[in-house]
Amino acid sequence: MWQVSTSLLLDSVVRLRLALSDTRDPALRRELREIEVPLRRELGPSIPKSAAARLLGISVTALDRWIDRGVLPTVAATATSKRLAVEAAPLLELAVEVRRLRRAGHVRGVIAAAVRSLGWRASGKRIVLSLDLARLPRPNVPVAELQRHFAETTPEERILEVSALNRSLNVLSGRAPA
């Protein structure tokens, strides 16, 4: 079996999302979504910083500045892990907006413009999620994917996911120790 590079997968998902937003044909949108879902699943919940920086067309140092401001969340593989990756879902949203702006002719300050366009606010500090939390479905995930996730997990696994999410929300809100 052959492997596809992370960069190629990222670019493909961004191009599919742009095509999705450009079409109004429901059948085509459904088909494009069916193509995108397995590609996103193949990417996983986090992306190496070097691949993320390449996708956005910036240096890893510039990416680190956006991460340190709390604009892009990161994922730690373990609680003691020093090596961080970028959370895939927000990275893809940002990459789509960056690509739109570049197509419209923007050259300088594209990342800042994309962040403003998405309505994101910097938290002022680095956001680090556990790998378990990053794997959880998000509100902007299609219903079919949420249903698939539900069908593929046991009640016990779902309880553990909710527990992990609850702990993370308490930590983020400052109500519990990290």
N, C-alpha and C. Protein backbone atom coordinates (compact mmCIF):
# COMPACT_ATOMS: atom_id res chain seq x y z
N MET A 1 0.84 -1.18 0.00
CA MET A 1 0.00 0.00 0.00
C MET A 1 0.89 1.25 0.00
N TRP A 2 0.51 2.24 -0.74
CA TRP A 2 1.29 3.47 -0.84
C TRP A 2 0.79 4.51 0.15
N GLN A 3 1.68 5.42 0.51
CA GLN A 3 1.32 6.48 1.43
C GLN A 3 1.33 7.82 0.71
N VAL A 4 0.41 8.68 1.09
CA VAL A 4 0.33 10.02 0.54
C VAL A 4 0.93 10.97 1.57
N SER A 5 1.70 11.94 1.10
CA SER A 5 2.33 12.88 2.03
C SER A 5 1.28 13.75 2.72
N THR A 6 1.61 14.18 3.91
CA THR A 6 0.73 15.06 4.67
C THR A 6 0.45 16.34 3.89
N SER A 7 1.48 16.87 3.24
CA SER A 7 1.30 18.12 2.48
C SER A 7 0.28 17.94 1.35
N LEU A 8 0.35 16.81 0.66
CA LEU A 8 -0.59 16.54 -0.43
C LEU A 8 -2.01 16.37 0.12
N LEU A 9 -2.16 15.67 1.23
CA LEU A 9 -3.48 15.51 1.84
C LEU A 9 -4.05 16.87 2.27
N LEU A 10 -3.21 17.68 2.92
CA LEU A 10 -3.66 19.00 3.36
C LEU A 10 -4.12 19.85 2.18
N ASP A 11 -3.30 19.89 1.14
CA ASP A 11 -3.65 20.67 -0.04
C ASP A 11 -4.95 20.16 -0.67
N SER A 12 -5.12 18.86 -0.72
CA SER A 12 -6.33 18.27 -1.31
C SER A 12 -7.57 18.65 -0.52
N VAL A 13 -7.49 18.60 0.80
CA VAL A 13 -8.64 18.96 1.63
C VAL A 13 -8.98 20.43 1.46
N VAL A 14 -7.97 21.29 1.42
CA VAL A 14 -8.22 22.73 1.23
C VAL A 14 -8.88 22.96 -0.13
N ARG A 15 -8.37 22.32 -1.17
CA ARG A 15 -8.96 22.49 -2.50
C ARG A 15 -10.40 21.97 -2.55
N LEU A 16 -10.66 20.85 -1.88
CA LEU A 16 -12.04 20.34 -1.83
C LEU A 16 -12.96 21.30 -1.10
N ARG A 17 -12.50 21.87 0.00
CA ARG A 17 -13.33 22.82 0.75
C ARG A 17 -13.62 24.08 -0.07
N LEU A 18 -12.63 24.52 -0.83
CA LEU A 18 -12.87 25.68 -1.70
C LEU A 18 -13.88 25.33 -2.79
N ALA A 19 -13.76 24.15 -3.36
CA ALA A 19 -14.72 23.71 -4.38
C ALA A 19 -16.12 23.59 -3.78
N LEU A 20 -16.20 23.09 -2.54
CA LEU A 20 -17.49 22.99 -1.85
C LEU A 20 -18.15 24.35 -1.69
N SER A 21 -17.35 25.33 -1.31
CA SER A 21 -17.92 26.67 -1.10
C SER A 21 -18.26 27.36 -2.42
N ASP A 22 -17.65 26.91 -3.52
CA ASP A 22 -17.91 27.53 -4.82
C ASP A 22 -19.12 26.96 -5.54
N THR A 23 -19.62 25.81 -5.11
CA THR A 23 -20.73 25.18 -5.82
C THR A 23 -22.01 25.23 -5.00
N ARG A 24 -23.12 25.31 -5.69
CA ARG A 24 -24.44 25.30 -5.04
C ARG A 24 -25.20 24.01 -5.37
N ASP A 25 -24.65 23.17 -6.21
CA ASP A 25 -25.28 21.91 -6.59
C ASP A 25 -25.24 20.94 -5.41
N PRO A 26 -26.40 20.58 -4.83
CA PRO A 26 -26.41 19.72 -3.64
C PRO A 26 -25.78 18.35 -3.88
N ALA A 27 -25.99 17.77 -5.03
CA ALA A 27 -25.41 16.45 -5.31
C ALA A 27 -23.89 16.53 -5.36
N LEU A 28 -23.36 17.56 -6.01
CA LEU A 28 -21.92 17.74 -6.08
C LEU A 28 -21.34 18.04 -4.71
N ARG A 29 -22.03 18.87 -3.93
CA ARG A 29 -21.56 19.18 -2.57
C ARG A 29 -21.49 17.91 -1.74
N ARG A 30 -22.51 17.06 -1.84
CA ARG A 30 -22.53 15.80 -1.09
C ARG A 30 -21.36 14.90 -1.50
N GLU A 31 -21.12 14.83 -2.80
CA GLU A 31 -20.02 14.00 -3.31
C GLU A 31 -18.66 14.53 -2.86
N LEU A 32 -18.48 15.84 -2.92
CA LEU A 32 -17.22 16.43 -2.47
C LEU A 32 -17.01 16.20 -0.97
N ARG A 33 -18.08 16.29 -0.19
CA ARG A 33 -17.99 16.06 1.25
C ARG A 33 -17.61 14.61 1.52
N GLU A 34 -18.16 13.68 0.72
CA GLU A 34 -17.83 12.26 0.87
C GLU A 34 -16.37 11.99 0.55
N ILE A 35 -15.79 12.79 -0.32
CA ILE A 35 -14.36 12.65 -0.63
C ILE A 35 -13.52 13.26 0.48
N GLU A 36 -13.97 14.40 1.00
CA GLU A 36 -13.20 15.11 2.02
C GLU A 36 -13.10 14.35 3.34
N VAL A 37 -14.17 13.74 3.78
CA VAL A 37 -14.20 13.10 5.11
C VAL A 37 -13.09 12.06 5.29
N PRO A 38 -12.92 11.10 4.37
CA PRO A 38 -11.84 10.13 4.59
C PRO A 38 -10.44 10.76 4.51
N LEU A 39 -10.30 11.81 3.71
CA LEU A 39 -9.00 12.49 3.64
C LEU A 39 -8.69 13.15 4.98
N ARG A 40 -9.69 13.81 5.56
CA ARG A 40 -9.50 14.44 6.88
C ARG A 40 -9.21 13.39 7.94
N ARG A 41 -9.91 12.27 7.87
CA ARG A 41 -9.68 11.19 8.82
C ARG A 41 -8.24 10.67 8.70
N GLU A 42 -7.75 10.59 7.46
CA GLU A 42 -6.38 10.13 7.22
C GLU A 42 -5.36 11.11 7.81
N LEU A 43 -5.69 12.39 7.78
CA LEU A 43 -4.78 13.41 8.35
C LEU A 43 -4.66 13.26 9.86
N GLY A 44 -5.73 12.93 10.52
CA GLY A 44 -5.72 12.81 11.97
C GLY A 44 -5.98 14.16 12.64
N PRO A 45 -5.91 14.18 13.97
CA PRO A 45 -6.27 15.38 14.73
C PRO A 45 -5.18 16.46 14.78
N SER A 46 -3.96 16.10 14.40
CA SER A 46 -2.89 17.10 14.48
C SER A 46 -1.95 16.99 13.27
N ILE A 47 -1.33 18.12 12.97
CA ILE A 47 -0.45 18.25 11.81
C ILE A 47 0.90 18.75 12.28
N PRO A 48 2.00 18.15 11.80
CA PRO A 48 3.32 18.66 12.17
C PRO A 48 3.46 20.14 11.79
N LYS A 49 4.18 20.87 12.61
CA LYS A 49 4.34 22.31 12.36
C LYS A 49 4.93 22.61 10.99
N SER A 50 5.89 21.82 10.55
CA SER A 50 6.52 22.10 9.25
C SER A 50 5.51 21.99 8.11
N ALA A 51 4.63 20.99 8.16
CA ALA A 51 3.60 20.83 7.13
C ALA A 51 2.57 21.95 7.23
N ALA A 52 2.22 22.34 8.46
CA ALA A 52 1.26 23.43 8.66
C ALA A 52 1.81 24.75 8.10
N ALA A 53 3.07 25.02 8.39
CA ALA A 53 3.70 26.25 7.89
C ALA A 53 3.74 26.26 6.36
N ARG A 54 4.09 25.13 5.76
CA ARG A 54 4.11 25.03 4.29
C ARG A 54 2.72 25.29 3.71
N LEU A 55 1.69 24.72 4.33
CA LEU A 55 0.33 24.90 3.85
C LEU A 55 -0.08 26.37 3.87
N LEU A 56 0.31 27.07 4.93
CA LEU A 56 -0.04 28.49 5.06
C LEU A 56 0.89 29.41 4.29
N GLY A 57 2.02 28.86 3.82
CA GLY A 57 2.97 29.68 3.08
C GLY A 57 3.78 30.61 3.97
N ILE A 58 4.05 30.17 5.20
CA ILE A 58 4.83 30.97 6.14
C ILE A 58 5.94 30.09 6.73
N SER A 59 6.83 30.71 7.46
CA SER A 59 7.90 29.96 8.11
C SER A 59 7.38 29.32 9.40
N VAL A 60 8.11 28.34 9.88
CA VAL A 60 7.75 27.70 11.16
C VAL A 60 7.84 28.73 12.28
N THR A 61 8.79 29.63 12.20
CA THR A 61 8.94 30.69 13.21
C THR A 61 7.69 31.58 13.24
N ALA A 62 7.20 31.97 12.07
CA ALA A 62 5.98 32.78 12.00
C ALA A 62 4.79 31.99 12.53
N LEU A 63 4.72 30.71 12.20
CA LEU A 63 3.64 29.86 12.71
C LEU A 63 3.70 29.80 14.23
N ASP A 64 4.89 29.66 14.79
CA ASP A 64 5.06 29.63 16.25
C ASP A 64 4.55 30.92 16.90
N ARG A 65 4.73 32.04 16.23
CA ARG A 65 4.23 33.31 16.78
C ARG A 65 2.70 33.29 16.86
N TRP A 66 2.03 32.76 15.82
CA TRP A 66 0.57 32.66 15.83
C TRP A 66 0.11 31.67 16.90
N ILE A 67 0.87 30.61 17.07
CA ILE A 67 0.55 29.62 18.11
C ILE A 67 0.72 30.25 19.49
N ASP A 68 1.82 30.97 19.70
CA ASP A 68 2.10 31.60 21.01
C ASP A 68 1.05 32.65 21.37
N ARG A 69 0.44 33.27 20.36
CA ARG A 69 -0.62 34.26 20.61
C ARG A 69 -1.95 33.59 20.96
N GLY A 70 -2.03 32.27 20.74
CA GLY A 70 -3.26 31.55 21.02
C GLY A 70 -4.24 31.56 19.88
N VAL A 71 -3.77 31.86 18.68
CA VAL A 71 -4.66 31.87 17.51
C VAL A 71 -4.90 30.45 17.02
N LEU A 72 -3.84 29.67 16.93
CA LEU A 72 -3.95 28.27 16.49
C LEU A 72 -3.65 27.34 17.67
N PRO A 73 -4.59 26.47 18.00
CA PRO A 73 -4.33 25.51 19.08
C PRO A 73 -3.33 24.44 18.66
N THR A 74 -2.62 23.93 19.64
CA THR A 74 -1.66 22.86 19.38
C THR A 74 -2.11 21.60 20.12
N VAL A 75 -1.49 20.50 19.73
CA VAL A 75 -1.82 19.20 20.31
C VAL A 75 -0.54 18.56 20.82
N ALA A 76 -0.59 18.07 22.06
CA ALA A 76 0.53 17.34 22.64
C ALA A 76 0.17 15.86 22.66
N ALA A 77 1.05 15.03 22.14
CA ALA A 77 0.78 13.59 22.07
C ALA A 77 0.61 12.98 23.46
N THR A 78 1.39 13.45 24.42
CA THR A 78 1.29 12.98 25.81
C THR A 78 1.35 14.18 26.73
N ALA A 79 1.01 13.96 27.98
CA ALA A 79 1.02 15.06 28.96
C ALA A 79 2.41 15.66 29.14
N THR A 80 3.45 14.85 28.95
CA THR A 80 4.82 15.34 29.15
C THR A 80 5.51 15.67 27.83
N SER A 81 4.80 15.58 26.74
CA SER A 81 5.39 15.83 25.42
C SER A 81 5.79 17.28 25.24
N LYS A 82 7.00 17.50 24.78
CA LYS A 82 7.48 18.86 24.49
C LYS A 82 7.22 19.22 23.03
N ARG A 83 7.11 18.20 22.18
CA ARG A 83 6.90 18.43 20.76
C ARG A 83 5.41 18.61 20.50
N LEU A 84 5.05 19.75 19.95
CA LEU A 84 3.66 20.07 19.69
C LEU A 84 3.37 20.06 18.19
N ALA A 85 2.15 19.70 17.86
CA ALA A 85 1.68 19.76 16.48
C ALA A 85 0.49 20.72 16.46
N VAL A 86 0.09 21.13 15.27
CA VAL A 86 -1.03 22.07 15.13
C VAL A 86 -2.33 21.27 15.01
N GLU A 87 -3.38 21.71 15.71
CA GLU A 87 -4.66 21.03 15.60
C GLU A 87 -5.18 21.15 14.17
N ALA A 88 -5.59 20.04 13.59
CA ALA A 88 -5.93 19.98 12.17
C ALA A 88 -7.15 20.82 11.80
N ALA A 89 -8.23 20.73 12.56
CA ALA A 89 -9.48 21.40 12.17
C ALA A 89 -9.32 22.93 12.01
N PRO A 90 -8.79 23.64 13.03
CA PRO A 90 -8.62 25.08 12.85
C PRO A 90 -7.59 25.43 11.78
N LEU A 91 -6.55 24.60 11.65
CA LEU A 91 -5.55 24.84 10.61
C LEU A 91 -6.20 24.81 9.24
N LEU A 92 -7.05 23.83 8.99
CA LEU A 92 -7.72 23.73 7.70
C LEU A 92 -8.64 24.92 7.44
N GLU A 93 -9.37 25.37 8.48
CA GLU A 93 -10.22 26.55 8.32
C GLU A 93 -9.38 27.77 7.93
N LEU A 94 -8.27 27.95 8.63
CA LEU A 94 -7.39 29.08 8.35
C LEU A 94 -6.80 28.96 6.95
N ALA A 95 -6.37 27.77 6.57
CA ALA A 95 -5.75 27.57 5.26
C ALA A 95 -6.72 27.88 4.12
N VAL A 96 -7.98 27.51 4.30
CA VAL A 96 -8.99 27.80 3.27
C VAL A 96 -9.14 29.31 3.12
N GLU A 97 -9.23 30.01 4.24
CA GLU A 97 -9.38 31.47 4.17
C GLU A 97 -8.14 32.14 3.59
N VAL A 98 -6.96 31.65 3.96
CA VAL A 98 -5.71 32.18 3.39
C VAL A 98 -5.70 31.98 1.88
N ARG A 99 -6.09 30.81 1.44
CA ARG A 99 -6.12 30.52 -0.01
C ARG A 99 -7.09 31.45 -0.73
N ARG A 100 -8.27 31.69 -0.11
CA ARG A 100 -9.25 32.62 -0.71
C ARG A 100 -8.65 34.02 -0.86
N LEU A 101 -8.01 34.49 0.19
CA LEU A 101 -7.44 35.84 0.18
C LEU A 101 -6.32 35.95 -0.86
N ARG A 102 -5.50 34.92 -0.95
CA ARG A 102 -4.42 34.96 -1.94
C ARG A 102 -4.98 34.94 -3.35
N ARG A 103 -6.04 34.18 -3.57
CA ARG A 103 -6.69 34.17 -4.89
C ARG A 103 -7.25 35.55 -5.23
N ALA A 104 -7.68 36.28 -4.20
CA ALA A 104 -8.23 37.62 -4.40
C ALA A 104 -7.15 38.67 -4.56
N GLY A 105 -5.87 38.26 -4.48
CA GLY A 105 -4.79 39.19 -4.72
C GLY A 105 -4.05 39.68 -3.49
N HIS A 106 -4.43 39.27 -2.31
CA HIS A 106 -3.71 39.69 -1.10
C HIS A 106 -2.31 39.08 -1.10
N VAL A 107 -1.34 39.90 -0.71
CA VAL A 107 0.04 39.44 -0.70
C VAL A 107 0.65 39.56 0.69
N ARG A 108 0.44 40.69 1.34
CA ARG A 108 1.05 40.93 2.65
C ARG A 108 -0.02 40.86 3.75
N GLY A 109 0.38 40.36 4.90
CA GLY A 109 -0.54 40.29 6.03
C GLY A 109 -1.71 39.34 5.82
N VAL A 110 -1.48 38.31 5.03
CA VAL A 110 -2.57 37.41 4.66
C VAL A 110 -3.08 36.62 5.87
N ILE A 111 -2.19 36.14 6.72
CA ILE A 111 -2.61 35.36 7.88
C ILE A 111 -3.44 36.24 8.82
N ALA A 112 -2.97 37.44 9.08
CA ALA A 112 -3.72 38.36 9.96
C ALA A 112 -5.09 38.67 9.36
N ALA A 113 -5.14 38.89 8.06
CA ALA A 113 -6.42 39.17 7.41
C ALA A 113 -7.35 37.97 7.49
N ALA A 114 -6.80 36.78 7.33
CA ALA A 114 -7.61 35.55 7.41
C ALA A 114 -8.15 35.36 8.83
N VAL A 115 -7.31 35.63 9.83
CA VAL A 115 -7.74 35.50 11.23
C VAL A 115 -8.88 36.47 11.50
N ARG A 116 -8.74 37.71 11.02
CA ARG A 116 -9.81 38.71 11.19
C ARG A 116 -11.08 38.26 10.46
N SER A 117 -10.92 37.80 9.25
CA SER A 117 -12.06 37.36 8.45
C SER A 117 -12.83 36.23 9.11
N LEU A 118 -12.11 35.32 9.76
CA LEU A 118 -12.75 34.21 10.46
C LEU A 118 -13.36 34.64 11.80
N GLY A 119 -13.03 35.86 12.25
CA GLY A 119 -13.56 36.35 13.51
C GLY A 119 -12.87 35.76 14.73
N TRP A 120 -11.68 35.23 14.52
CA TRP A 120 -10.92 34.63 15.62
C TRP A 120 -10.27 35.71 16.46
N ARG A 121 -10.11 35.43 17.72
CA ARG A 121 -9.42 36.33 18.63
C ARG A 121 -8.26 35.58 19.28
N ALA A 122 -7.17 36.27 19.44
CA ALA A 122 -6.02 35.67 20.10
C ALA A 122 -6.30 35.62 21.60
N SER A 123 -6.00 34.49 22.21
CA SER A 123 -6.21 34.36 23.66
C SER A 123 -5.06 34.97 24.44
N GLY A 124 -3.95 35.22 23.76
CA GLY A 124 -2.78 35.80 24.42
C GLY A 124 -1.85 34.77 25.02
N LYS A 125 -2.23 33.50 24.96
CA LYS A 125 -1.35 32.46 25.46
C LYS A 125 -1.54 31.20 24.62
N ARG A 126 -0.51 30.41 24.59
CA ARG A 126 -0.51 29.17 23.80
C ARG A 126 -1.59 28.22 24.32
N ILE A 127 -2.33 27.63 23.39
CA ILE A 127 -3.37 26.65 23.73
C ILE A 127 -2.84 25.27 23.37
N VAL A 128 -2.75 24.39 24.37
CA VAL A 128 -2.26 23.04 24.14
C VAL A 128 -3.35 22.06 24.55
N LEU A 129 -3.81 21.27 23.60
CA LEU A 129 -4.83 20.26 23.85
C LEU A 129 -4.19 18.90 23.94
N SER A 130 -4.81 18.01 24.69
CA SER A 130 -4.35 16.62 24.70
C SER A 130 -4.80 15.96 23.40
N LEU A 131 -4.12 14.93 23.02
CA LEU A 131 -4.47 14.20 21.79
C LEU A 131 -5.89 13.65 21.89
N ASP A 132 -6.29 13.19 23.07
CA ASP A 132 -7.65 12.67 23.26
C ASP A 132 -8.70 13.73 22.98
N LEU A 133 -8.47 14.93 23.47
CA LEU A 133 -9.42 16.02 23.25
C LEU A 133 -9.44 16.42 21.78
N ALA A 134 -8.29 16.47 21.15
CA ALA A 134 -8.22 16.86 19.74
C ALA A 134 -8.94 15.86 18.84
N ARG A 135 -9.04 14.62 19.29
CA ARG A 135 -9.73 13.59 18.49
C ARG A 135 -11.25 13.70 18.57
N LEU A 136 -11.77 14.41 19.57
CA LEU A 136 -13.21 14.50 19.74
C LEU A 136 -13.83 15.31 18.60
N PRO A 137 -15.04 14.91 18.18
CA PRO A 137 -15.73 15.67 17.13
C PRO A 137 -16.04 17.09 17.59
N ARG A 138 -16.06 18.00 16.65
CA ARG A 138 -16.35 19.40 16.92
C ARG A 138 -17.73 19.77 16.37
N PRO A 139 -18.31 20.89 16.83
CA PRO A 139 -19.64 21.29 16.35
C PRO A 139 -19.72 21.48 14.84
N ASN A 140 -18.63 21.84 14.18
CA ASN A 140 -18.68 22.08 12.74
C ASN A 140 -18.39 20.82 11.92
N VAL A 141 -18.43 19.65 12.58
CA VAL A 141 -18.23 18.38 11.90
C VAL A 141 -19.58 17.94 11.33
N PRO A 142 -19.61 17.45 10.10
CA PRO A 142 -20.87 17.03 9.48
C PRO A 142 -21.58 15.95 10.32
N VAL A 143 -22.90 15.97 10.28
CA VAL A 143 -23.72 15.04 11.06
C VAL A 143 -23.34 13.59 10.76
N ALA A 144 -23.11 13.26 9.50
CA ALA A 144 -22.77 11.88 9.14
C ALA A 144 -21.49 11.42 9.84
N GLU A 145 -20.53 12.32 9.96
CA GLU A 145 -19.29 11.96 10.64
C GLU A 145 -19.52 11.78 12.14
N LEU A 146 -20.35 12.62 12.74
CA LEU A 146 -20.68 12.45 14.15
C LEU A 146 -21.40 11.12 14.38
N GLN A 147 -22.31 10.77 13.47
CA GLN A 147 -23.03 9.50 13.60
C GLN A 147 -22.07 8.31 13.42
N ARG A 148 -21.14 8.43 12.50
CA ARG A 148 -20.16 7.37 12.29
C ARG A 148 -19.32 7.18 13.54
N HIS A 149 -18.88 8.30 14.12
CA HIS A 149 -18.08 8.23 15.34
C HIS A 149 -18.87 7.57 16.46
N PHE A 150 -20.13 7.93 16.59
CA PHE A 150 -20.99 7.34 17.62
C PHE A 150 -21.12 5.83 17.40
N ALA A 151 -21.35 5.42 16.16
CA ALA A 151 -21.53 4.01 15.85
C ALA A 151 -20.26 3.19 16.09
N GLU A 152 -19.10 3.83 15.94
CA GLU A 152 -17.83 3.12 16.07
C GLU A 152 -17.30 3.07 17.50
N THR A 153 -17.99 3.71 18.43
CA THR A 153 -17.52 3.72 19.82
C THR A 153 -18.52 3.01 20.72
N THR A 154 -18.01 2.54 21.83
CA THR A 154 -18.87 1.89 22.82
C THR A 154 -19.39 2.94 23.80
N PRO A 155 -20.44 2.62 24.55
CA PRO A 155 -20.91 3.58 25.56
C PRO A 155 -19.81 3.97 26.55
N GLU A 156 -18.97 3.01 26.90
CA GLU A 156 -17.89 3.30 27.84
C GLU A 156 -16.90 4.30 27.24
N GLU A 157 -16.57 4.12 25.96
CA GLU A 157 -15.65 5.05 25.29
C GLU A 157 -16.26 6.45 25.21
N ARG A 158 -17.55 6.52 24.96
CA ARG A 158 -18.21 7.82 24.88
C ARG A 158 -18.21 8.53 26.24
N ILE A 159 -18.40 7.76 27.30
CA ILE A 159 -18.35 8.34 28.65
C ILE A 159 -16.95 8.88 28.94
N LEU A 160 -15.92 8.12 28.55
CA LEU A 160 -14.54 8.58 28.75
C LEU A 160 -14.27 9.85 27.94
N GLU A 161 -14.81 9.95 26.72
CA GLU A 161 -14.64 11.15 25.90
C GLU A 161 -15.29 12.35 26.56
N VAL A 162 -16.50 12.17 27.06
CA VAL A 162 -17.21 13.27 27.73
C VAL A 162 -16.44 13.68 28.98
N SER A 163 -15.93 12.72 29.72
CA SER A 163 -15.15 13.01 30.92
C SER A 163 -13.90 13.82 30.57
N ALA A 164 -13.20 13.40 29.51
CA ALA A 164 -11.99 14.13 29.07
C ALA A 164 -12.35 15.55 28.64
N LEU A 165 -13.45 15.69 27.93
CA LEU A 165 -13.89 17.01 27.49
C LEU A 165 -14.24 17.88 28.69
N ASN A 166 -14.94 17.32 29.66
CA ASN A 166 -15.30 18.06 30.86
C ASN A 166 -14.06 18.54 31.62
N ARG A 167 -13.07 17.64 31.79
CA ARG A 167 -11.83 18.03 32.47
C ARG A 167 -11.14 19.17 31.71
N SER A 168 -11.09 19.03 30.39
CA SER A 168 -10.43 20.06 29.58
C SER A 168 -11.15 21.39 29.68
N LEU A 169 -12.48 21.37 29.64
CA LEU A 169 -13.24 22.61 29.76
C LEU A 169 -13.01 23.26 31.12
N ASN A 170 -12.93 22.45 32.16
CA ASN A 170 -12.65 22.99 33.50
C ASN A 170 -11.27 23.62 33.56
N VAL A 171 -10.27 22.97 32.93
CA VAL A 171 -8.93 23.53 32.92
C VAL A 171 -8.90 24.83 32.13
N LEU A 172 -9.55 24.84 30.96
CA LEU A 172 -9.57 26.05 30.13
C LEU A 172 -10.29 27.20 30.81
N SER A 173 -11.33 26.89 31.57
CA SER A 173 -12.07 27.95 32.24
C SER A 173 -11.44 28.39 33.56
N GLY A 174 -10.37 27.67 33.97
CA GLY A 174 -9.66 28.04 35.19
C GLY A 174 -10.29 27.49 36.45
N ARG A 175 -11.23 26.54 36.31
CA ARG A 175 -11.91 25.98 37.48
C ARG A 175 -11.23 24.73 38.03
N ALA A 176 -10.19 24.28 37.35
CA ALA A 176 -9.51 23.06 37.81
C ALA A 176 -8.03 23.18 37.52
N PRO A 177 -7.21 22.51 38.31
CA PRO A 177 -5.77 22.56 38.05
C PRO A 177 -5.42 21.80 36.77
N ALA A 178 -4.38 22.25 36.07
CA ALA A 178 -3.95 21.56 34.86
C ALA A 178 -3.26 20.30 35.25
